[in-house]
């Protein structure tokens, strides 16, 4: 099966677990996810299926949108509810307005230190694997952008929030650091990704829908239409002669796309053949061929 599946990941599953479920449901062995979600988190997780895994490079570093909750009073070693409490519990005393004022420090470009228990690679090894093996881990800060971070309400020791963050940002780290600023410790209590790039919960498919599908054809009907993907690229349908040239890695002339750096080439309304790059004038070179 070829295409892109927008999955609504349930809590308690790793991204690897999700790939295994989709593999069983679709019968497709080649599956890759565009970014990951922590096991505790739920929400939008785009997956490339079959030959569409060759397109991963074009989806770039998508911005993410989240909603969730932060519990104040103690920190954890993982910065979320799945970790072990560290330090002595401190009764939270900050009001919602005070927390909102503190949260302003996280907006804009910041240097963020990822959690030690994360998929961040250190010398090719995931940081969380080193940490669980008892290896002392020093994770370098990364420059990210938090476009929006709003605390919505505070009930007892739990604050709800919404966040819009660039690729590579860790919401867990924000929760942890906000707790430090508040002087009482905090950790991420829940997290739901509502959007990743252009993909939202509206088109997301649940694991239950996959399991209940009668077969690959029914699942294929749940995928976004191929021409709606990578909307920044124009698309064209070519005849078999030109398709043959592209399959052989040969350049083709597409006079209607003199300004487009990249073009999606189809052989039918739904069959994507290639992505081509303009090399000179209207001359295009295939850079990915689906076969």
Foldseek 3Di string as FASTA:
>chain_A
DFAKAWAFADAQDWPVRVLVLLCVLAVFDDKDWLDTDPNGATETIMMGTDLRVVVSVLVPWWKFKKKFKKFFFFAFLQLEPVGDTDDHGDQQDDDLVRLQVLLVVQAFKDFFFHRLLAQDDDVRGGSNVCVVVVHDDDTGTDIWHWHDWDFDDDDRRMTIIMTIITGPDDVSRSSQVSNVVSVGGMGTYYMYIQDTHPDGPVLHDYSVNSVPDPHNVSVVVSGDQQCVPPVVAAEDADEPVVLVCQVVQHKDFDQVPQPGQWYFYANDRRRTAFIWGDDDRRITTTPRGSD
